[in-house]
């Protein structure tokens, strides 16, 4: 199917009669597949702050498969995996492979005009994903003097996107730009200079103290929270690994709130649910995220702030309700019918 296809064309003085060195071919095809994996991670919001192992379900959903080769310059027609042939733990309407293909082509279209990292923010809002995706793309861009060119297309009569040595230069320049993002960073307040309105928090993932300046009106809060974990929101400069290096402007400081959540209502754009009886869930803090778990539903909702975690929890509950509680019994397995009954015992739709 056309919406699943990707054409990879390798040409140039070093490519004769479709002959191409195995090492070069492997580098290019492995690189493209890796970029697809990282875009898939970005689409699902998976964590890539540490050494990444691509989850099996993303490998399956984003797998590219050769379906044909053509004579002339080396040309291969690939197709992204069809979810109808796979058993994947995604919502029924999520065709991750097609979604990733679309983002990949949008990235190639935008590549010739990027001047800095932030030019791709609309495609990949999170800096960590952008950096990883750009680095994977850089791995198979031709370098000056390589003697081959790489073109990516979707069908024979459509223009190709071309990766050139200039493409690689633009990627390298973008990656070298200091990155600043609005983030919430959680850490222990370990340093305070009241005369300078400056504080330092210990950021456990990198074992570093991050300095930041705060406005005078926040001073009372700072003084009353000299011990324990606080959350600082502001413009954060990131290091080369996408981790916070310093907080250049603080917009908000608040305590880390892990008090029990009384779940009485689930309110989302798609559905509003009222709890038949109030439920209490207790958030935990782990790996710079507030996590709210409801193991009976397989839910692990997370966010940098309490508000983000609650929003993720409500989205997950709403999705379960629409997928299971609203489905006819004859369309559900025995386990799914059991889940449906449990949901209906806890909530009613308004």
C-alpha atoms as a PDB file:
ATOM      1  CA  UNK A   1       0.000   0.000   0.000  1.00  0.00           C
ATOM      2  CA  UNK A   2       1.260   3.450  -0.950  1.00  0.00           C
ATOM      3  CA  UNK A   3       0.914   4.946   2.551  1.00  0.00           C
ATOM      4  CA  UNK A   4       3.277   2.290   3.907  1.00  0.00           C
ATOM      5  CA  UNK A   5       5.979   2.402   1.231  1.00  0.00           C
ATOM      6  CA  UNK A   6       9.402   4.005   1.336  1.00  0.00           C
ATOM      7  CA  UNK A   7      11.854   4.057  -1.580  1.00  0.00           C
ATOM      8  CA  UNK A   8      15.577   4.193  -0.812  1.00  0.00           C
ATOM      9  CA  UNK A   9      17.807   5.104  -3.746  1.00  0.00           C
ATOM     10  CA  UNK A  10      21.614   5.089  -3.607  1.00  0.00           C
ATOM     11  CA  UNK A  11      23.415   6.613  -6.584  1.00  0.00           C
ATOM     12  CA  UNK A  12      26.677   8.282  -7.530  1.00  0.00           C
ATOM     13  CA  UNK A  13      30.083   7.589  -9.079  1.00  0.00           C
ATOM     14  CA  UNK A  14      30.825   4.727  -6.662  1.00  0.00           C
ATOM     15  CA  UNK A  15      27.599   2.864  -7.452  1.00  0.00           C
ATOM     16  CA  UNK A  16      27.761   0.904 -10.740  1.00  0.00           C
ATOM     17  CA  UNK A  17      25.050  -1.356 -12.150  1.00  0.00           C
ATOM     18  CA  UNK A  18      23.302  -1.673  -8.803  1.00  0.00           C
ATOM     19  CA  UNK A  19      26.504  -2.883  -7.115  1.00  0.00           C
ATOM     20  CA  UNK A  20      27.026  -1.473  -3.637  1.00  0.00           C
ATOM     21  CA  UNK A  21      29.393  -2.492  -0.811  1.00  0.00           C
ATOM     22  CA  UNK A  22      27.678  -4.520   1.914  1.00  0.00           C
ATOM     23  CA  UNK A  23      29.077  -2.275   4.624  1.00  0.00           C
ATOM     24  CA  UNK A  24      27.626   0.881   3.078  1.00  0.00           C
ATOM     25  CA  UNK A  25      24.270  -0.766   2.439  1.00  0.00           C
ATOM     26  CA  UNK A  26      24.091  -2.054   6.019  1.00  0.00           C
ATOM     27  CA  UNK A  27      24.976   1.380   7.433  1.00  0.00           C
ATOM     28  CA  UNK A  28      22.252   3.113   5.447  1.00  0.00           C
ATOM     29  CA  UNK A  29      19.464   0.580   5.986  1.00  0.00           C
ATOM     30  CA  UNK A  30      20.264   0.075   9.671  1.00  0.00           C
ATOM     31  CA  UNK A  31      20.422   3.851  10.111  1.00  0.00           C
ATOM     32  CA  UNK A  32      17.010   4.429   8.524  1.00  0.00           C
ATOM     33  CA  UNK A  33      15.490   1.670  10.643  1.00  0.00           C
ATOM     34  CA  UNK A  34      17.029   3.175  13.793  1.00  0.00           C
ATOM     35  CA  UNK A  35      15.578   6.602  12.953  1.00  0.00           C
ATOM     36  CA  UNK A  36      12.139   4.987  12.614  1.00  0.00           C
ATOM     37  CA  UNK A  37      12.559   3.369  16.047  1.00  0.00           C
ATOM     38  CA  UNK A  38      13.489   6.668  17.705  1.00  0.00           C
ATOM     39  CA  UNK A  39      10.585   8.495  16.094  1.00  0.00           C
ATOM     40  CA  UNK A  40       8.349   5.678  17.362  1.00  0.00           C
ATOM     41  CA  UNK A  41       9.721   6.209  20.865  1.00  0.00           C
ATOM     42  CA  UNK A  42       9.018   9.926  20.550  1.00  0.00           C
ATOM     43  CA  UNK A  43       5.449   9.329  19.357  1.00  0.00           C
ATOM     44  CA  UNK A  44       4.705   7.122  22.364  1.00  0.00           C
ATOM     45  CA  UNK A  45       6.647   9.279  24.838  1.00  0.00           C
ATOM     46  CA  UNK A  46       8.974   6.449  25.843  1.00  0.00           C
ATOM     47  CA  UNK A  47      11.965   7.317  28.036  1.00  0.00           C
ATOM     48  CA  UNK A  48      15.299   7.721  26.217  1.00  0.00           C
ATOM     49  CA  UNK A  49      17.239   9.539  28.930  1.00  0.00           C
ATOM     50  CA  UNK A  50      19.510   6.538  29.407  1.00  0.00           C
ATOM     51  CA  UNK A  51      20.983   3.872  27.136  1.00  0.00           C
ATOM     52  CA  UNK A  52      18.021   2.825  25.093  1.00  0.00           C
ATOM     53  CA  UNK A  53      16.637  -0.623  24.452  1.00  0.00           C
ATOM     54  CA  UNK A  54      13.940  -0.407  21.810  1.00  0.00           C
ATOM     55  CA  UNK A  55      10.810  -2.130  23.189  1.00  0.00           C
ATOM     56  CA  UNK A  56       9.779  -5.185  21.099  1.00  0.00           C
ATOM     57  CA  UNK A  57       6.369  -3.732  20.263  1.00  0.00           C
ATOM     58  CA  UNK A  58       7.982  -0.619  18.729  1.00  0.00           C
ATOM     59  CA  UNK A  59      10.458  -2.776  16.803  1.00  0.00           C
ATOM     60  CA  UNK A  60       7.550  -4.725  15.340  1.00  0.00           C
ATOM     61  CA  UNK A  61       5.307  -1.752  14.594  1.00  0.00           C
ATOM     62  CA  UNK A  62       8.083   0.319  12.950  1.00  0.00           C
ATOM     63  CA  UNK A  63       9.882  -2.486  11.141  1.00  0.00           C
ATOM     64  CA  UNK A  64      10.771  -1.744   7.517  1.00  0.00           C
ATOM     65  CA  UNK A  65      10.709  -4.700   5.131  1.00  0.00           C
ATOM     66  CA  UNK A  66      12.195  -5.011   1.653  1.00  0.00           C
ATOM     67  CA  UNK A  67       9.546  -5.817  -0.919  1.00  0.00           C
ATOM     68  CA  UNK A  68      11.421  -5.117  -4.183  1.00  0.00           C
ATOM     69  CA  UNK A  69      14.678  -3.964  -5.747  1.00  0.00           C
ATOM     70  CA  UNK A  70      15.149  -2.191  -9.068  1.00  0.00           C
ATOM     71  CA  UNK A  71      17.879  -2.103 -11.656  1.00  0.00           C
ATOM     72  CA  UNK A  72      20.079   0.907 -12.425  1.00  0.00           C
ATOM     73  CA  UNK A  73      21.296   2.819  -9.426  1.00  0.00           C
ATOM     74  CA  UNK A  74      20.716   0.757  -6.305  1.00  0.00           C
ATOM     75  CA  UNK A  75      17.065   1.154  -5.385  1.00  0.00           C
ATOM     76  CA  UNK A  76      15.023  -0.711  -2.817  1.00  0.00           C
ATOM     77  CA  UNK A  77      11.313  -0.454  -2.129  1.00  0.00           C
ATOM     78  CA  UNK A  78      10.449  -1.007   1.524  1.00  0.00           C
ATOM     79  CA  UNK A  79       7.200  -1.175   3.410  1.00  0.00           C
ATOM     80  CA  UNK A  80       6.482  -0.469   7.068  1.00  0.00           C
ATOM     81  CA  UNK A  81       4.903  -3.326   9.013  1.00  0.00           C
ATOM     82  CA  UNK A  82       1.125  -3.694   8.865  1.00  0.00           C
ATOM     83  CA  UNK A  83      -0.443  -3.758  12.362  1.00  0.00           C
ATOM     84  CA  UNK A  84      -3.230  -6.037  11.074  1.00  0.00           C
ATOM     85  CA  UNK A  85      -0.601  -8.790  10.816  1.00  0.00           C
ATOM     86  CA  UNK A  86       0.800  -8.157  14.297  1.00  0.00           C
ATOM     87  CA  UNK A  87      -0.414  -8.457  17.867  1.00  0.00           C
ATOM     88  CA  UNK A  88       0.553  -5.112  19.389  1.00  0.00           C
ATOM     89  CA  UNK A  89      -0.474  -3.497  22.712  1.00  0.00           C
ATOM     90  CA  UNK A  90      -1.613  -0.229  21.099  1.00  0.00           C
ATOM     91  CA  UNK A  91      -5.085   1.276  20.715  1.00  0.00           C
ATOM     92  CA  UNK A  92      -6.882  -0.226  17.742  1.00  0.00           C
ATOM     93  CA  UNK A  93      -6.781   3.005  15.736  1.00  0.00           C
ATOM     94  CA  UNK A  94      -3.023   3.606  16.198  1.00  0.00           C
ATOM     95  CA  UNK A  95      -1.041   2.600  13.103  1.00  0.00           C
ATOM     96  CA  UNK A  96       2.317   3.524  14.596  1.00  0.00           C
ATOM     97  CA  UNK A  97       4.356   2.533  11.556  1.00  0.00           C
ATOM     98  CA  UNK A  98       2.418   4.808   9.186  1.00  0.00           C
ATOM     99  CA  UNK A  99       2.527   7.627  11.731  1.00  0.00           C
ATOM    100  CA  UNK A 100       6.309   7.287  12.076  1.00  0.00           C
ATOM    101  CA  UNK A 101       6.756   7.166   8.285  1.00  0.00           C
ATOM    102  CA  UNK A 102       4.831  10.439   7.993  1.00  0.00           C
ATOM    103  CA  UNK A 103       7.011  12.108  10.666  1.00  0.00           C
ATOM    104  CA  UNK A 104      10.177  10.763   9.000  1.00  0.00           C
ATOM    105  CA  UNK A 105       9.208  12.271   5.638  1.00  0.00           C
ATOM    106  CA  UNK A 106       8.294  15.569   7.333  1.00  0.00           C
ATOM    107  CA  UNK A 107      11.748  15.563   8.955  1.00  0.00           C
ATOM    108  CA  UNK A 108      13.455  15.029   5.575  1.00  0.00           C
ATOM    109  CA  UNK A 109      11.360  17.802   4.033  1.00  0.00           C
ATOM    110  CA  UNK A 110      12.336  20.243   6.763  1.00  0.00           C
ATOM    111  CA  UNK A 111      16.008  19.254   6.927  1.00  0.00           C
ATOM    112  CA  UNK A 112      17.331  21.585   4.170  1.00  0.00           C
ATOM    113  CA  UNK A 113      16.124  24.712   6.007  1.00  0.00           C
ATOM    114  CA  UNK A 114      16.983  23.947   9.635  1.00  0.00           C
ATOM    115  CA  UNK A 115      19.498  26.321  11.164  1.00  0.00           C
ATOM    116  CA  UNK A 116      19.193  25.278  14.774  1.00  0.00           C
ATOM    117  CA  UNK A 117      17.817  22.520  16.898  1.00  0.00           C
ATOM    118  CA  UNK A 118      14.626  24.404  17.708  1.00  0.00           C
ATOM    119  CA  UNK A 119      13.535  24.433  14.066  1.00  0.00           C
ATOM    120  CA  UNK A 120      12.268  20.875  14.607  1.00  0.00           C
ATOM    121  CA  UNK A 121      10.388  21.601  17.824  1.00  0.00           C
ATOM    122  CA  UNK A 122       6.980  21.284  16.169  1.00  0.00           C
ATOM    123  CA  UNK A 123       7.846  17.763  14.975  1.00  0.00           C
ATOM    124  CA  UNK A 124       9.640  16.588  18.108  1.00  0.00           C
ATOM    125  CA  UNK A 125       8.925  18.841  21.115  1.00  0.00           C
ATOM    126  CA  UNK A 126      11.250  17.000  23.503  1.00  0.00           C
ATOM    127  CA  UNK A 127      14.945  17.849  23.090  1.00  0.00           C
ATOM    128  CA  UNK A 128      16.095  14.353  24.030  1.00  0.00           C
ATOM    129  CA  UNK A 129      14.118  12.805  21.184  1.00  0.00           C
ATOM    130  CA  UNK A 130      15.210  15.466  18.696  1.00  0.00           C
ATOM    131  CA  UNK A 131      18.886  14.964  19.499  1.00  0.00           C
ATOM    132  CA  UNK A 132      18.668  11.174  19.253  1.00  0.00           C
ATOM    133  CA  UNK A 133      16.736  11.327  15.976  1.00  0.00           C
ATOM    134  CA  UNK A 134      19.148  13.863  14.454  1.00  0.00           C
ATOM    135  CA  UNK A 135      22.166  11.800  15.507  1.00  0.00           C
ATOM    136  CA  UNK A 136      20.701   8.669  13.931  1.00  0.00           C
ATOM    137  CA  UNK A 137      20.027  10.621  10.717  1.00  0.00           C
ATOM    138  CA  UNK A 138      23.598  11.932  10.734  1.00  0.00           C
ATOM    139  CA  UNK A 139      24.931   8.343  10.871  1.00  0.00           C
ATOM    140  CA  UNK A 140      23.889   7.643   7.267  1.00  0.00           C
ATOM    141  CA  UNK A 141      24.276  11.053   5.651  1.00  0.00           C
ATOM    142  CA  UNK A 142      27.018  11.009   2.989  1.00  0.00           C
ATOM    143  CA  UNK A 143      30.148  12.937   3.838  1.00  0.00           C
ATOM    144  CA  UNK A 144      32.104  15.165   1.512  1.00  0.00           C
ATOM    145  CA  UNK A 145      34.014  13.069  -1.025  1.00  0.00           C
ATOM    146  CA  UNK A 146      32.063   9.847  -0.367  1.00  0.00           C
ATOM    147  CA  UNK A 147      31.070   9.411  -4.009  1.00  0.00           C
ATOM    148  CA  UNK A 148      27.491   8.369  -3.378  1.00  0.00           C
ATOM    149  CA  UNK A 149      24.175  10.098  -2.800  1.00  0.00           C
ATOM    150  CA  UNK A 150      21.114   9.004  -0.866  1.00  0.00           C
ATOM    151  CA  UNK A 151      17.540   9.764  -1.881  1.00  0.00           C
ATOM    152  CA  UNK A 152      14.365   8.842  -0.030  1.00  0.00           C
ATOM    153  CA  UNK A 153      10.996   8.818  -1.755  1.00  0.00           C
ATOM    154  CA  UNK A 154       7.475   7.504  -1.555  1.00  0.00           C
ATOM    155  CA  UNK A 155       6.615   6.652  -5.164  1.00  0.00           C
ATOM    156  CA  UNK A 156       8.264   6.732  -8.547  1.00  0.00           C
ATOM    157  CA  UNK A 157       6.610   9.858  -9.931  1.00  0.00           C
ATOM    158  CA  UNK A 158       7.082  11.950  -6.772  1.00  0.00           C
ATOM    159  CA  UNK A 159      10.166  14.060  -5.904  1.00  0.00           C
ATOM    160  CA  UNK A 160      12.811  12.442  -3.721  1.00  0.00           C
ATOM    161  CA  UNK A 161      14.260  13.909  -0.531  1.00  0.00           C
ATOM    162  CA  UNK A 162      18.040  13.964  -0.860  1.00  0.00           C
ATOM    163  CA  UNK A 163      20.570  13.580   1.930  1.00  0.00           C
ATOM    164  CA  UNK A 164      23.867  15.267   1.089  1.00  0.00           C
ATOM    165  CA  UNK A 165      27.082  16.315   2.838  1.00  0.00           C
ATOM    166  CA  UNK A 166      25.411  19.702   3.338  1.00  0.00           C
ATOM    167  CA  UNK A 167      22.550  17.939   5.144  1.00  0.00           C
ATOM    168  CA  UNK A 168      25.057  16.448   7.540  1.00  0.00           C
ATOM    169  CA  UNK A 169      26.724  19.839   8.125  1.00  0.00           C
ATOM    170  CA  UNK A 170      23.357  21.355   9.030  1.00  0.00           C
ATOM    171  CA  UNK A 171      22.607  18.492  11.441  1.00  0.00           C
ATOM    172  CA  UNK A 172      25.998  18.885  13.140  1.00  0.00           C
ATOM    173  CA  UNK A 173      25.509  22.651  13.531  1.00  0.00           C
ATOM    174  CA  UNK A 174      22.031  22.150  14.947  1.00  0.00           C
ATOM    175  CA  UNK A 175      23.314  19.634  17.480  1.00  0.00           C
ATOM    176  CA  UNK A 176      26.064  22.002  18.596  1.00  0.00           C
ATOM    177  CA  UNK A 177      23.629  24.834  19.431  1.00  0.00           C
ATOM    178  CA  UNK A 178      23.022  25.271  23.192  1.00  0.00           C
ATOM    179  CA  UNK A 179      19.559  23.932  23.903  1.00  0.00           C
ATOM    180  CA  UNK A 180      17.155  25.698  26.242  1.00  0.00           C
ATOM    181  CA  UNK A 181      13.716  24.313  27.053  1.00  0.00           C
ATOM    182  CA  UNK A 182      10.956  25.029  29.518  1.00  0.00           C
ATOM    183  CA  UNK A 183      11.103  22.117  31.945  1.00  0.00           C
ATOM    184  CA  UNK A 184      10.282  21.182  35.498  1.00  0.00           C
ATOM    185  CA  UNK A 185      13.298  19.883  37.408  1.00  0.00           C
ATOM    186  CA  UNK A 186      12.984  18.166  40.773  1.00  0.00           C
ATOM    187  CA  UNK A 187      15.812  18.113  43.282  1.00  0.00           C
ATOM    188  CA  UNK A 188      16.903  18.683  46.845  1.00  0.00           C
ATOM    189  CA  UNK A 189      17.558  22.295  47.850  1.00  0.00           C
ATOM    190  CA  UNK A 190      21.205  22.225  48.909  1.00  0.00           C
ATOM    191  CA  UNK A 191      22.445  25.759  48.339  1.00  0.00           C
ATOM    192  CA  UNK A 192      20.901  29.158  49.027  1.00  0.00           C
ATOM    193  CA  UNK A 193      22.268  32.697  48.591  1.00  0.00           C
ATOM    194  CA  UNK A 194      19.562  35.112  49.721  1.00  0.00           C
ATOM    195  CA  UNK A 195      21.610  38.189  48.839  1.00  0.00           C
ATOM    196  CA  UNK A 196      21.797  37.043  45.197  1.00  0.00           C
ATOM    197  CA  UNK A 197      18.357  35.375  44.968  1.00  0.00           C
ATOM    198  CA  UNK A 198      20.203  32.256  43.911  1.00  0.00           C
ATOM    199  CA  UNK A 199      19.713  28.650  44.921  1.00  0.00           C
ATOM    200  CA  UNK A 200      21.143  25.295  43.978  1.00  0.00           C
ATOM    201  CA  UNK A 201      19.303  21.987  43.772  1.00  0.00           C
ATOM    202  CA  UNK A 202      20.868  18.548  43.695  1.00  0.00           C
ATOM    203  CA  UNK A 203      19.763  16.784  40.496  1.00  0.00           C
ATOM    204  CA  UNK A 204      20.076  13.082  41.275  1.00  0.00           C
ATOM    205  CA  UNK A 205      20.157  11.615  37.702  1.00  0.00           C
ATOM    206  CA  UNK A 206      23.434  13.418  36.895  1.00  0.00           C
ATOM    207  CA  UNK A 207      24.660  13.870  40.507  1.00  0.00           C
ATOM    208  CA  UNK A 208      25.146  17.590  39.881  1.00  0.00           C
ATOM    209  CA  UNK A 209      24.011  20.754  41.628  1.00  0.00           C
ATOM    210  CA  UNK A 210      22.023  23.028  39.307  1.00  0.00           C
ATOM    211  CA  UNK A 211      22.188  26.760  40.031  1.00  0.00           C
ATOM    212  CA  UNK A 212      19.276  29.036  39.323  1.00  0.00           C
ATOM    213  CA  UNK A 213      18.148  32.588  40.085  1.00  0.00           C
ATOM    214  CA  UNK A 214      14.653  33.250  41.396  1.00  0.00           C
ATOM    215  CA  UNK A 215      12.443  36.338  41.717  1.00  0.00           C
ATOM    216  CA  UNK A 216      12.183  38.018  45.128  1.00  0.00           C
ATOM    217  CA  UNK A 217       8.492  37.167  45.556  1.00  0.00           C
ATOM    218  CA  UNK A 218       9.464  33.473  45.698  1.00  0.00           C
ATOM    219  CA  UNK A 219      11.833  34.013  48.610  1.00  0.00           C
ATOM    220  CA  UNK A 220       9.341  33.144  51.380  1.00  0.00           C
ATOM    221  CA  UNK A 221       8.605  29.807  49.760  1.00  0.00           C
ATOM    222  CA  UNK A 222      12.317  29.068  49.354  1.00  0.00           C
ATOM    223  CA  UNK A 223      13.088  29.874  52.996  1.00  0.00           C
ATOM    224  CA  UNK A 224      10.232  27.665  54.209  1.00  0.00           C
ATOM    225  CA  UNK A 225      11.438  24.718  52.139  1.00  0.00           C
ATOM    226  CA  UNK A 226      15.104  24.579  53.009  1.00  0.00           C
ATOM    227  CA  UNK A 227      14.976  20.807  53.304  1.00  0.00           C
ATOM    228  CA  UNK A 228      13.505  18.171  51.056  1.00  0.00           C
ATOM    229  CA  UNK A 229      12.626  17.994  47.376  1.00  0.00           C
ATOM    230  CA  UNK A 230      11.328  20.982  45.430  1.00  0.00           C
ATOM    231  CA  UNK A 231      10.258  21.430  41.821  1.00  0.00           C
ATOM    232  CA  UNK A 232      11.694  24.286  39.804  1.00  0.00           C
ATOM    233  CA  UNK A 233      10.038  25.211  36.510  1.00  0.00           C
ATOM    234  CA  UNK A 234      11.745  27.502  34.038  1.00  0.00           C
ATOM    235  CA  UNK A 235      14.039  27.804  31.059  1.00  0.00           C
ATOM    236  CA  UNK A 236      16.592  25.020  31.422  1.00  0.00           C
ATOM    237  CA  UNK A 237      19.830  24.803  29.447  1.00  0.00           C
ATOM    238  CA  UNK A 238      20.583  21.212  28.491  1.00  0.00           C
ATOM    239  CA  UNK A 239      23.940  19.511  28.121  1.00  0.00           C
ATOM    240  CA  UNK A 240      25.023  17.398  25.147  1.00  0.00           C
ATOM    241  CA  UNK A 241      23.149  14.403  26.550  1.00  0.00           C
ATOM    242  CA  UNK A 242      19.887  16.308  26.864  1.00  0.00           C
ATOM    243  CA  UNK A 243      20.161  16.545  30.657  1.00  0.00           C
ATOM    244  CA  UNK A 244      19.726  19.820  32.593  1.00  0.00           C
ATOM    245  CA  UNK A 245      22.975  21.761  32.975  1.00  0.00           C
ATOM    246  CA  UNK A 246      21.590  24.925  34.573  1.00  0.00           C
ATOM    247  CA  UNK A 247      18.312  26.761  35.032  1.00  0.00           C
ATOM    248  CA  UNK A 248      18.674  30.118  33.326  1.00  0.00           C
ATOM    249  CA  UNK A 249      15.283  31.578  34.257  1.00  0.00           C
ATOM    250  CA  UNK A 250      12.872  30.418  36.977  1.00  0.00           C
ATOM    251  CA  UNK A 251       9.142  30.913  36.491  1.00  0.00           C
ATOM    252  CA  UNK A 252       7.839  28.793  39.385  1.00  0.00           C
ATOM    253  CA  UNK A 253       9.045  26.980  42.495  1.00  0.00           C
ATOM    254  CA  UNK A 254       6.807  24.565  44.343  1.00  0.00           C
ATOM    255  CA  UNK A 255       7.066  21.678  46.743  1.00  0.00           C
ATOM    256  CA  UNK A 256       6.988  18.091  45.511  1.00  0.00           C
ATOM    257  CA  UNK A 257       3.396  17.103  46.276  1.00  0.00           C
ATOM    258  CA  UNK A 258       3.004  13.367  46.846  1.00  0.00           C
ATOM    259  CA  UNK A 259      -0.125  13.612  48.985  1.00  0.00           C
ATOM    260  CA  UNK A 260      -2.859  11.021  48.258  1.00  0.00           C
ATOM    261  CA  UNK A 261      -5.109  11.804  45.304  1.00  0.00           C
ATOM    262  CA  UNK A 262      -8.852  11.527  45.834  1.00  0.00           C
ATOM    263  CA  UNK A 263     -10.149  10.324  42.491  1.00  0.00           C
ATOM    264  CA  UNK A 264     -13.783  11.443  42.291  1.00  0.00           C
ATOM    265  CA  UNK A 265     -14.047  12.408  38.635  1.00  0.00           C
ATOM    266  CA  UNK A 266     -12.329  11.719  35.324  1.00  0.00           C
ATOM    267  CA  UNK A 267     -12.740  14.648  32.964  1.00  0.00           C
ATOM    268  CA  UNK A 268     -11.367  14.532  29.399  1.00  0.00           C
ATOM    269  CA  UNK A 269     -12.470  16.035  26.067  1.00  0.00           C
ATOM    270  CA  UNK A 270     -13.849  12.633  25.003  1.00  0.00           C
ATOM    271  CA  UNK A 271     -15.697  11.504  28.125  1.00  0.00           C
ATOM    272  CA  UNK A 272     -16.477  12.529  31.713  1.00  0.00           C
ATOM    273  CA  UNK A 273     -16.740   9.824  34.366  1.00  0.00           C
ATOM    274  CA  UNK A 274     -18.006  10.153  37.927  1.00  0.00           C
ATOM    275  CA  UNK A 275     -16.623   7.787  40.549  1.00  0.00           C
ATOM    276  CA  UNK A 276     -19.408   5.747  42.181  1.00  0.00           C
ATOM    277  CA  UNK A 277     -17.313   5.750  45.317  1.00  0.00           C
ATOM    278  CA  UNK A 278     -14.221   7.927  45.869  1.00  0.00           C
ATOM    279  CA  UNK A 279     -10.898   6.193  45.340  1.00  0.00           C
ATOM    280  CA  UNK A 280      -7.559   7.126  46.840  1.00  0.00           C
ATOM    281  CA  UNK A 281      -4.306   6.629  44.959  1.00  0.00           C
ATOM    282  CA  UNK A 282      -0.895   7.586  46.273  1.00  0.00           C
ATOM    283  CA  UNK A 283       1.656   9.101  43.850  1.00  0.00           C
ATOM    284  CA  UNK A 284       5.318   8.165  44.068  1.00  0.00           C
ATOM    285  CA  UNK A 285       8.410   9.964  42.775  1.00  0.00           C
ATOM    286  CA  UNK A 286      10.866   8.038  40.644  1.00  0.00           C
ATOM    287  CA  UNK A 287      13.355   8.962  37.892  1.00  0.00           C
ATOM    288  CA  UNK A 288      12.294  12.632  37.866  1.00  0.00           C
ATOM    289  CA  UNK A 289       8.653  11.715  37.366  1.00  0.00           C
ATOM    290  CA  UNK A 290       5.570  11.630  39.543  1.00  0.00           C
ATOM    291  CA  UNK A 291       3.948   8.253  38.992  1.00  0.00           C
ATOM    292  CA  UNK A 292       0.381   7.210  39.748  1.00  0.00           C
ATOM    293  CA  UNK A 293      -0.368   3.512  39.433  1.00  0.00           C
ATOM    294  CA  UNK A 294      -3.648   1.635  39.220  1.00  0.00           C
ATOM    295  CA  UNK A 295      -2.395  -1.948  38.829  1.00  0.00           C
ATOM    296  CA  UNK A 296      -5.910  -3.406  38.578  1.00  0.00           C
ATOM    297  CA  UNK A 297      -6.153  -1.660  35.191  1.00  0.00           C
ATOM    298  CA  UNK A 298      -2.507  -1.945  34.195  1.00  0.00           C
ATOM    299  CA  UNK A 299      -2.124   1.844  34.411  1.00  0.00           C
ATOM    300  CA  UNK A 300       1.195   3.544  35.143  1.00  0.00           C
ATOM    301  CA  UNK A 301       0.623   7.262  34.576  1.00  0.00           C
ATOM    302  CA  UNK A 302       3.579   9.616  34.828  1.00  0.00           C
ATOM    303  CA  UNK A 303       4.453  13.278  34.472  1.00  0.00           C
ATOM    304  CA  UNK A 304       7.096  15.798  35.467  1.00  0.00           C
ATOM    305  CA  UNK A 305       4.519  17.455  37.719  1.00  0.00           C
ATOM    306  CA  UNK A 306       1.560  16.234  39.753  1.00  0.00           C
ATOM    307  CA  UNK A 307      -0.813  17.922  37.295  1.00  0.00           C
ATOM    308  CA  UNK A 308       0.766  16.144  34.301  1.00  0.00           C
ATOM    309  CA  UNK A 309       0.583  12.767  36.054  1.00  0.00           C
ATOM    310  CA  UNK A 310      -3.099  13.278  36.923  1.00  0.00           C
ATOM    311  CA  UNK A 311      -3.872  14.277  33.332  1.00  0.00           C
ATOM    312  CA  UNK A 312      -2.114  11.126  32.049  1.00  0.00           C
ATOM    313  CA  UNK A 313      -4.078   9.004  34.552  1.00  0.00           C
ATOM    314  CA  UNK A 314      -7.375  10.497  33.412  1.00  0.00           C
ATOM    315  CA  UNK A 315      -6.497   9.971  29.739  1.00  0.00           C
ATOM    316  CA  UNK A 316      -5.692   6.293  30.399  1.00  0.00           C
ATOM    317  CA  UNK A 317      -8.923   5.720  32.348  1.00  0.00           C
ATOM    318  CA  UNK A 318     -10.970   7.456  29.653  1.00  0.00           C
ATOM    319  CA  UNK A 319      -9.382   5.294  26.947  1.00  0.00           C
ATOM    320  CA  UNK A 320     -10.113   2.111  28.914  1.00  0.00           C
ATOM    321  CA  UNK A 321     -13.709   3.202  29.415  1.00  0.00           C
ATOM    322  CA  UNK A 322     -14.280   3.913  25.723  1.00  0.00           C
ATOM    323  CA  UNK A 323     -12.495   0.740  24.565  1.00  0.00           C
ATOM    324  CA  UNK A 324     -14.000  -1.698  27.077  1.00  0.00           C
ATOM    325  CA  UNK A 325     -16.884  -0.305  29.133  1.00  0.00           C
ATOM    326  CA  UNK A 326     -18.623   0.987  25.995  1.00  0.00           C
ATOM    327  CA  UNK A 327     -18.015  -2.135  23.892  1.00  0.00           C
ATOM    328  CA  UNK A 328     -20.635  -4.899  23.430  1.00  0.00           C
ATOM    329  CA  UNK A 329     -19.852  -8.078  25.375  1.00  0.00           C
ATOM    330  CA  UNK A 330     -19.792 -10.189  22.201  1.00  0.00           C
ATOM    331  CA  UNK A 331     -16.824  -8.179  20.949  1.00  0.00           C
ATOM    332  CA  UNK A 332     -14.755  -8.731  24.107  1.00  0.00           C
ATOM    333  CA  UNK A 333     -12.740 -11.632  25.432  1.00  0.00           C
ATOM    334  CA  UNK A 334     -13.499 -13.083  28.860  1.00  0.00           C
ATOM    335  CA  UNK A 335     -10.710 -11.020  30.455  1.00  0.00           C
ATOM    336  CA  UNK A 336     -11.938  -7.878  28.684  1.00  0.00           C
ATOM    337  CA  UNK A 337     -15.500  -8.468  29.927  1.00  0.00           C
ATOM    338  CA  UNK A 338     -14.129  -8.790  33.464  1.00  0.00           C
ATOM    339  CA  UNK A 339     -12.307  -5.465  33.029  1.00  0.00           C
ATOM    340  CA  UNK A 340     -15.510  -3.902  31.683  1.00  0.00           C
ATOM    341  CA  UNK A 341     -17.462  -4.993  34.779  1.00  0.00           C
ATOM    342  CA  UNK A 342     -14.783  -3.642  37.098  1.00  0.00           C
ATOM    343  CA  UNK A 343     -14.818  -0.264  35.331  1.00  0.00           C
ATOM    344  CA  UNK A 344     -18.609  -0.079  35.500  1.00  0.00           C
ATOM    345  CA  UNK A 345     -18.537  -0.865  39.209  1.00  0.00           C
ATOM    346  CA  UNK A 346     -16.231   2.095  39.821  1.00  0.00           C
ATOM    347  CA  UNK A 347     -17.486   4.763  37.382  1.00  0.00           C
ATOM    348  CA  UNK A 348     -20.579   6.014  35.629  1.00  0.00           C
ATOM    349  CA  UNK A 349     -20.566   8.198  32.547  1.00  0.00           C
ATOM    350  CA  UNK A 350     -22.024  11.688  32.717  1.00  0.00           C
END
